[in-house]
Amino acid sequence: MIQKTVISKTGKVVTLKDIRNVKTSSKNNDSELTVLQRAVEYMNANPCAFVKVISNDDNEMRGLFYQDARMKKTFEAYPEFVCIDATYKVNDHRMSLYIMLVENGNGQSDIVALWLEADETEGMIALCGLDVV
């Protein structure tokens, strides 16, 4: 029935496999969005956490920033030595995972922020709310 409707409205030949592929693709996108929504809700459950989702005009996620109260306090206490490192495009969405850390008074490193980023640009770092560039 769907196949006949699409053919009659568009005049294009559409196979049942095409319809199944569209349906499967739609389900995958919905489940990924649900996973993202649950992850953001989980992070926001911490009332002192700063969570920022950055999206483009098409509402596609381009970045996700996370910093909790302990991370922020540590960053404010030890801003002298800041190190940022990333694992490059190892997840399904080809996003880099960035880890920002500082060196504390004992010479040990403490993680002070985490973020995922699709575009490795200074502008994206600014959108995350970081003022370290």
N, C-alpha and C. Protein backbone atom coordinates (compact mmCIF):
# COMPACT_ATOMS: atom_id res chain seq x y z
N MET A 1 0.81 -1.18 0.00
CA MET A 1 0.00 0.00 0.00
C MET A 1 0.87 1.26 0.00
N ILE A 2 1.89 1.31 0.86
CA ILE A 2 2.80 2.46 0.89
C ILE A 2 3.53 2.56 -0.43
N GLN A 3 3.96 1.41 -0.94
CA GLN A 3 4.68 1.38 -2.20
C GLN A 3 3.82 1.97 -3.31
N LYS A 4 2.57 1.58 -3.41
CA LYS A 4 1.67 2.08 -4.45
C LYS A 4 1.45 3.58 -4.31
N THR A 5 1.30 4.04 -3.09
CA THR A 5 1.09 5.47 -2.85
C THR A 5 2.29 6.29 -3.29
N VAL A 6 3.49 5.84 -2.95
CA VAL A 6 4.71 6.55 -3.34
C VAL A 6 4.85 6.56 -4.85
N ILE A 7 4.60 5.43 -5.49
CA ILE A 7 4.71 5.34 -6.95
C ILE A 7 3.69 6.27 -7.60
N SER A 8 2.46 6.28 -7.12
CA SER A 8 1.43 7.12 -7.75
C SER A 8 1.70 8.61 -7.54
N LYS A 9 2.27 8.99 -6.39
CA LYS A 9 2.51 10.41 -6.12
C LYS A 9 3.79 10.93 -6.76
N THR A 10 4.80 10.07 -6.86
CA THR A 10 6.09 10.54 -7.39
C THR A 10 6.36 10.08 -8.80
N GLY A 11 5.72 9.01 -9.22
CA GLY A 11 5.98 8.46 -10.54
C GLY A 11 7.28 7.68 -10.61
N LYS A 12 7.94 7.50 -9.47
CA LYS A 12 9.20 6.77 -9.43
C LYS A 12 8.96 5.35 -8.96
N VAL A 13 9.80 4.44 -9.47
CA VAL A 13 9.71 3.04 -9.06
C VAL A 13 10.38 2.91 -7.70
N VAL A 14 9.64 2.40 -6.74
CA VAL A 14 10.14 2.21 -5.38
C VAL A 14 9.92 0.75 -5.01
N THR A 15 11.01 0.11 -4.59
CA THR A 15 10.89 -1.30 -4.21
C THR A 15 10.54 -1.40 -2.72
N LEU A 16 10.08 -2.57 -2.32
CA LEU A 16 9.79 -2.81 -0.91
C LEU A 16 11.07 -2.70 -0.07
N LYS A 17 12.19 -3.10 -0.68
CA LYS A 17 13.47 -2.99 0.03
C LYS A 17 13.80 -1.52 0.30
N ASP A 18 13.51 -0.62 -0.65
CA ASP A 18 13.72 0.81 -0.44
C ASP A 18 12.92 1.29 0.77
N ILE A 19 11.69 0.86 0.86
CA ILE A 19 10.81 1.27 1.96
C ILE A 19 11.34 0.73 3.29
N ARG A 20 11.80 -0.53 3.30
CA ARG A 20 12.37 -1.10 4.53
C ARG A 20 13.63 -0.34 4.94
N ASN A 21 14.46 0.03 3.96
CA ASN A 21 15.68 0.77 4.27
C ASN A 21 15.36 2.12 4.90
N VAL A 22 14.36 2.81 4.38
CA VAL A 22 13.96 4.10 4.94
C VAL A 22 13.44 3.91 6.36
N LYS A 23 12.64 2.88 6.56
CA LYS A 23 12.08 2.60 7.88
C LYS A 23 13.20 2.28 8.88
N THR A 24 14.15 1.45 8.48
CA THR A 24 15.27 1.10 9.36
C THR A 24 16.12 2.32 9.67
N SER A 25 16.40 3.13 8.66
CA SER A 25 17.18 4.34 8.86
C SER A 25 16.48 5.27 9.84
N SER A 26 15.20 5.41 9.71
CA SER A 26 14.43 6.27 10.61
C SER A 26 14.49 5.75 12.04
N LYS A 27 14.37 4.45 12.23
CA LYS A 27 14.44 3.86 13.57
C LYS A 27 15.81 4.10 14.19
N ASN A 28 16.88 3.93 13.39
CA ASN A 28 18.22 4.14 13.91
C ASN A 28 18.41 5.58 14.35
N ASN A 29 17.95 6.54 13.54
CA ASN A 29 18.09 7.94 13.91
C ASN A 29 17.31 8.25 15.18
N ASP A 30 16.11 7.70 15.31
CA ASP A 30 15.31 7.93 16.51
C ASP A 30 15.98 7.36 17.74
N SER A 31 16.54 6.15 17.62
CA SER A 31 17.17 5.54 18.79
C SER A 31 18.43 6.29 19.18
N GLU A 32 19.19 6.80 18.20
CA GLU A 32 20.38 7.58 18.51
C GLU A 32 19.99 8.87 19.22
N LEU A 33 18.92 9.50 18.77
CA LEU A 33 18.46 10.72 19.42
C LEU A 33 18.02 10.42 20.85
N THR A 34 17.34 9.33 21.04
CA THR A 34 16.90 8.94 22.38
C THR A 34 18.10 8.70 23.29
N VAL A 35 19.12 8.05 22.78
CA VAL A 35 20.33 7.80 23.57
C VAL A 35 20.97 9.13 23.95
N LEU A 36 21.06 10.05 23.00
CA LEU A 36 21.64 11.37 23.28
C LEU A 36 20.80 12.10 24.32
N GLN A 37 19.49 12.08 24.16
CA GLN A 37 18.61 12.75 25.12
C GLN A 37 18.79 12.17 26.52
N ARG A 38 18.86 10.86 26.61
CA ARG A 38 19.05 10.22 27.93
C ARG A 38 20.40 10.59 28.53
N ALA A 39 21.44 10.64 27.70
CA ALA A 39 22.77 11.00 28.20
C ALA A 39 22.79 12.43 28.73
N VAL A 40 22.18 13.34 27.98
CA VAL A 40 22.13 14.74 28.42
C VAL A 40 21.30 14.87 29.69
N GLU A 41 20.18 14.17 29.76
CA GLU A 41 19.36 14.20 30.98
C GLU A 41 20.15 13.67 32.18
N TYR A 42 20.92 12.60 31.97
CA TYR A 42 21.73 12.03 33.04
C TYR A 42 22.77 13.05 33.53
N MET A 43 23.44 13.71 32.58
CA MET A 43 24.45 14.70 32.97
C MET A 43 23.81 15.89 33.66
N ASN A 44 22.63 16.32 33.18
CA ASN A 44 21.94 17.45 33.78
C ASN A 44 21.33 17.12 35.14
N ALA A 45 21.26 15.84 35.50
CA ALA A 45 20.74 15.45 36.81
C ALA A 45 21.62 15.99 37.93
N ASN A 46 22.88 16.23 37.62
CA ASN A 46 23.79 16.86 38.58
C ASN A 46 23.51 18.37 38.51
N PRO A 47 22.91 18.96 39.55
CA PRO A 47 22.49 20.36 39.47
C PRO A 47 23.65 21.35 39.32
N CYS A 48 24.85 20.93 39.67
CA CYS A 48 26.00 21.83 39.58
C CYS A 48 26.80 21.63 38.30
N ALA A 49 26.34 20.78 37.41
CA ALA A 49 27.06 20.49 36.17
C ALA A 49 26.71 21.51 35.10
N PHE A 50 27.68 21.77 34.24
CA PHE A 50 27.46 22.61 33.06
C PHE A 50 27.49 21.67 31.86
N VAL A 51 26.36 21.54 31.18
CA VAL A 51 26.24 20.68 30.02
C VAL A 51 25.76 21.54 28.86
N LYS A 52 26.46 21.45 27.75
CA LYS A 52 26.06 22.25 26.59
C LYS A 52 26.08 21.37 25.35
N VAL A 53 24.95 21.31 24.66
CA VAL A 53 24.86 20.60 23.39
C VAL A 53 24.89 21.64 22.29
N ILE A 54 25.77 21.46 21.34
CA ILE A 54 25.91 22.40 20.22
C ILE A 54 25.41 21.71 18.97
N SER A 55 24.48 22.36 18.28
CA SER A 55 23.92 21.77 17.06
C SER A 55 23.99 22.78 15.93
N ASN A 56 23.88 22.28 14.71
CA ASN A 56 23.89 23.15 13.54
C ASN A 56 22.46 23.52 13.16
N ASP A 57 22.32 24.21 12.03
CA ASP A 57 20.99 24.65 11.58
C ASP A 57 20.06 23.49 11.26
N ASP A 58 20.62 22.32 10.93
CA ASP A 58 19.81 21.13 10.64
C ASP A 58 19.51 20.33 11.90
N ASN A 59 19.82 20.90 13.05
CA ASN A 59 19.59 20.26 14.35
C ASN A 59 20.40 18.97 14.53
N GLU A 60 21.57 18.92 13.89
CA GLU A 60 22.50 17.81 14.07
C GLU A 60 23.51 18.21 15.15
N MET A 61 23.78 17.30 16.07
CA MET A 61 24.73 17.60 17.13
C MET A 61 26.12 17.76 16.55
N ARG A 62 26.79 18.87 16.89
CA ARG A 62 28.15 19.12 16.44
C ARG A 62 29.12 19.09 17.61
N GLY A 63 28.58 19.17 18.84
CA GLY A 63 29.44 19.14 20.01
C GLY A 63 28.64 18.93 21.28
N LEU A 64 29.33 18.44 22.30
CA LEU A 64 28.72 18.22 23.61
C LEU A 64 29.80 18.47 24.66
N PHE A 65 29.54 19.44 25.55
CA PHE A 65 30.51 19.84 26.56
C PHE A 65 30.00 19.44 27.94
N TYR A 66 30.91 18.98 28.83
CA TYR A 66 30.52 18.62 30.20
C TYR A 66 31.59 19.06 31.19
N GLN A 67 31.12 19.72 32.26
CA GLN A 67 31.99 20.08 33.37
C GLN A 67 31.14 20.10 34.64
N ASP A 68 31.55 19.35 35.65
CA ASP A 68 30.79 19.37 36.91
C ASP A 68 31.43 20.36 37.88
N ALA A 69 30.84 20.50 39.06
CA ALA A 69 31.29 21.50 40.03
C ALA A 69 32.72 21.24 40.49
N ARG A 70 33.06 19.97 40.74
CA ARG A 70 34.42 19.65 41.17
C ARG A 70 35.43 20.01 40.09
N MET A 71 35.09 19.70 38.83
CA MET A 71 35.98 20.03 37.72
C MET A 71 36.21 21.54 37.64
N LYS A 72 35.12 22.30 37.75
CA LYS A 72 35.22 23.76 37.65
C LYS A 72 36.06 24.32 38.80
N LYS A 73 35.84 23.82 40.01
CA LYS A 73 36.59 24.29 41.18
C LYS A 73 38.08 23.99 41.02
N THR A 74 38.40 22.80 40.53
CA THR A 74 39.80 22.42 40.31
C THR A 74 40.43 23.31 39.24
N PHE A 75 39.69 23.58 38.17
CA PHE A 75 40.19 24.44 37.09
C PHE A 75 40.48 25.84 37.62
N GLU A 76 39.59 26.37 38.46
CA GLU A 76 39.78 27.70 39.02
C GLU A 76 40.97 27.74 39.98
N ALA A 77 41.23 26.63 40.68
CA ALA A 77 42.33 26.57 41.65
C ALA A 77 43.70 26.42 40.99
N TYR A 78 43.75 25.76 39.84
CA TYR A 78 45.03 25.47 39.18
C TYR A 78 45.00 25.84 37.70
N PRO A 79 44.89 27.13 37.37
CA PRO A 79 44.79 27.50 35.95
C PRO A 79 46.15 27.68 35.26
N GLU A 80 47.25 27.47 36.00
CA GLU A 80 48.57 27.77 35.45
C GLU A 80 48.98 26.84 34.31
N PHE A 81 48.70 25.56 34.45
CA PHE A 81 49.10 24.59 33.42
C PHE A 81 47.86 23.84 32.95
N VAL A 82 47.45 24.13 31.74
CA VAL A 82 46.27 23.50 31.15
C VAL A 82 46.71 22.68 29.95
N CYS A 83 46.25 21.46 29.89
CA CYS A 83 46.59 20.56 28.78
C CYS A 83 45.29 20.05 28.16
N ILE A 84 45.24 20.07 26.84
CA ILE A 84 44.08 19.54 26.13
C ILE A 84 44.58 18.46 25.18
N ASP A 85 43.94 17.31 25.23
CA ASP A 85 44.29 16.21 24.34
C ASP A 85 43.00 15.62 23.80
N ALA A 86 43.12 14.90 22.70
CA ALA A 86 41.91 14.35 22.06
C ALA A 86 42.19 12.97 21.50
N THR A 87 41.15 12.16 21.50
CA THR A 87 41.16 10.92 20.74
C THR A 87 40.39 11.24 19.47
N TYR A 88 41.00 11.03 18.35
CA TYR A 88 40.44 11.53 17.10
C TYR A 88 39.50 10.55 16.43
N LYS A 89 38.27 10.95 16.32
CA LYS A 89 37.25 10.33 15.47
C LYS A 89 37.20 8.81 15.59
N VAL A 90 37.09 8.33 16.81
CA VAL A 90 37.05 6.88 17.01
C VAL A 90 35.65 6.35 17.28
N ASN A 91 34.65 7.24 17.41
CA ASN A 91 33.28 6.77 17.66
C ASN A 91 32.50 6.68 16.36
N ASP A 92 31.27 6.21 16.43
CA ASP A 92 30.44 6.00 15.24
C ASP A 92 30.17 7.28 14.46
N HIS A 93 30.18 8.41 15.14
CA HIS A 93 29.87 9.68 14.48
C HIS A 93 31.12 10.45 14.08
N ARG A 94 32.27 9.82 14.19
CA ARG A 94 33.55 10.40 13.79
C ARG A 94 33.84 11.72 14.53
N MET A 95 33.43 11.77 15.80
CA MET A 95 33.68 12.95 16.63
C MET A 95 34.92 12.70 17.49
N SER A 96 35.64 13.77 17.75
CA SER A 96 36.80 13.68 18.63
C SER A 96 36.35 13.88 20.08
N LEU A 97 36.94 13.12 20.99
CA LEU A 97 36.71 13.29 22.42
C LEU A 97 37.88 14.08 22.99
N TYR A 98 37.59 15.25 23.53
CA TYR A 98 38.62 16.11 24.12
C TYR A 98 38.60 15.98 25.63
N ILE A 99 39.79 15.98 26.20
CA ILE A 99 39.95 15.96 27.65
C ILE A 99 40.84 17.14 28.02
N MET A 100 40.34 17.98 28.90
CA MET A 100 41.13 19.11 29.39
C MET A 100 41.53 18.79 30.82
N LEU A 101 42.81 18.95 31.11
CA LEU A 101 43.27 18.69 32.46
C LEU A 101 44.22 19.77 32.92
N VAL A 102 44.38 19.85 34.22
CA VAL A 102 45.33 20.78 34.83
C VAL A 102 46.27 19.98 35.73
N GLU A 103 47.39 20.61 36.07
CA GLU A 103 48.31 19.99 37.02
C GLU A 103 48.06 20.63 38.38
N ASN A 104 47.76 19.80 39.38
CA ASN A 104 47.47 20.35 40.72
C ASN A 104 48.77 20.61 41.50
N GLY A 105 48.63 21.04 42.74
CA GLY A 105 49.79 21.38 43.57
C GLY A 105 50.70 20.21 43.88
N ASN A 106 50.23 18.99 43.73
CA ASN A 106 51.04 17.80 43.97
C ASN A 106 51.69 17.27 42.69
N GLY A 107 51.52 17.99 41.59
CA GLY A 107 52.09 17.56 40.32
C GLY A 107 51.27 16.48 39.63
N GLN A 108 50.07 16.25 40.12
CA GLN A 108 49.19 15.25 39.51
C GLN A 108 48.19 15.95 38.58
N SER A 109 47.73 15.22 37.59
CA SER A 109 46.77 15.80 36.66
C SER A 109 45.34 15.52 37.12
N ASP A 110 44.48 16.50 36.92
CA ASP A 110 43.06 16.39 37.22
C ASP A 110 42.27 16.78 35.98
N ILE A 111 41.30 15.97 35.60
CA ILE A 111 40.43 16.30 34.47
C ILE A 111 39.49 17.41 34.90
N VAL A 112 39.41 18.47 34.09
CA VAL A 112 38.56 19.61 34.43
C VAL A 112 37.45 19.86 33.41
N ALA A 113 37.45 19.14 32.30
CA ALA A 113 36.36 19.27 31.32
C ALA A 113 36.50 18.14 30.29
N LEU A 114 35.35 17.77 29.73
CA LEU A 114 35.29 16.77 28.65
C LEU A 114 34.35 17.30 27.58
N TRP A 115 34.67 17.05 26.32
CA TRP A 115 33.71 17.38 25.28
C TRP A 115 33.95 16.58 24.02
N LEU A 116 32.86 16.36 23.32
CA LEU A 116 32.88 15.74 22.00
C LEU A 116 32.74 16.86 20.98
N GLU A 117 33.43 16.72 19.87
CA GLU A 117 33.40 17.78 18.87
C GLU A 117 33.51 17.18 17.48
N ALA A 118 32.66 17.65 16.58
CA ALA A 118 32.69 17.19 15.20
C ALA A 118 33.65 18.02 14.36
N ASP A 119 33.75 19.30 14.67
CA ASP A 119 34.60 20.22 13.91
C ASP A 119 35.74 20.68 14.79
N GLU A 120 36.94 20.45 14.34
CA GLU A 120 38.10 20.83 15.14
C GLU A 120 38.51 22.26 14.80
N THR A 121 37.74 23.20 15.32
CA THR A 121 38.00 24.60 15.04
C THR A 121 38.02 25.40 16.33
N GLU A 122 38.69 26.54 16.28
CA GLU A 122 38.72 27.44 17.43
C GLU A 122 37.31 27.93 17.75
N GLY A 123 36.51 28.14 16.71
CA GLY A 123 35.13 28.57 16.91
C GLY A 123 34.31 27.57 17.68
N MET A 124 34.54 26.29 17.43
CA MET A 124 33.79 25.25 18.16
C MET A 124 34.18 25.25 19.63
N ILE A 125 35.47 25.45 19.92
CA ILE A 125 35.91 25.52 21.31
C ILE A 125 35.26 26.71 22.00
N ALA A 126 35.16 27.83 21.30
CA ALA A 126 34.50 29.01 21.86
C ALA A 126 33.02 28.73 22.12
N LEU A 127 32.37 27.99 21.22
CA LEU A 127 30.96 27.64 21.41
C LEU A 127 30.75 26.77 22.65
N CYS A 128 31.76 25.99 22.99
CA CYS A 128 31.67 25.15 24.20
C CYS A 128 31.72 25.99 25.46
N GLY A 129 32.10 27.25 25.33
CA GLY A 129 32.16 28.12 26.50
C GLY A 129 33.54 28.20 27.11
N LEU A 130 34.54 27.69 26.41
CA LEU A 130 35.90 27.71 26.94
C LEU A 130 36.60 29.00 26.54
N ASP A 131 37.33 29.55 27.47
CA ASP A 131 38.07 30.79 27.21
C ASP A 131 39.54 30.54 27.46
N VAL A 132 40.07 29.50 26.82
CA VAL A 132 41.47 29.14 27.05
C VAL A 132 42.31 29.26 25.79
N VAL A 133 41.71 29.65 24.69
CA VAL A 133 42.44 29.73 23.42
C VAL A 133 43.16 31.05 23.33
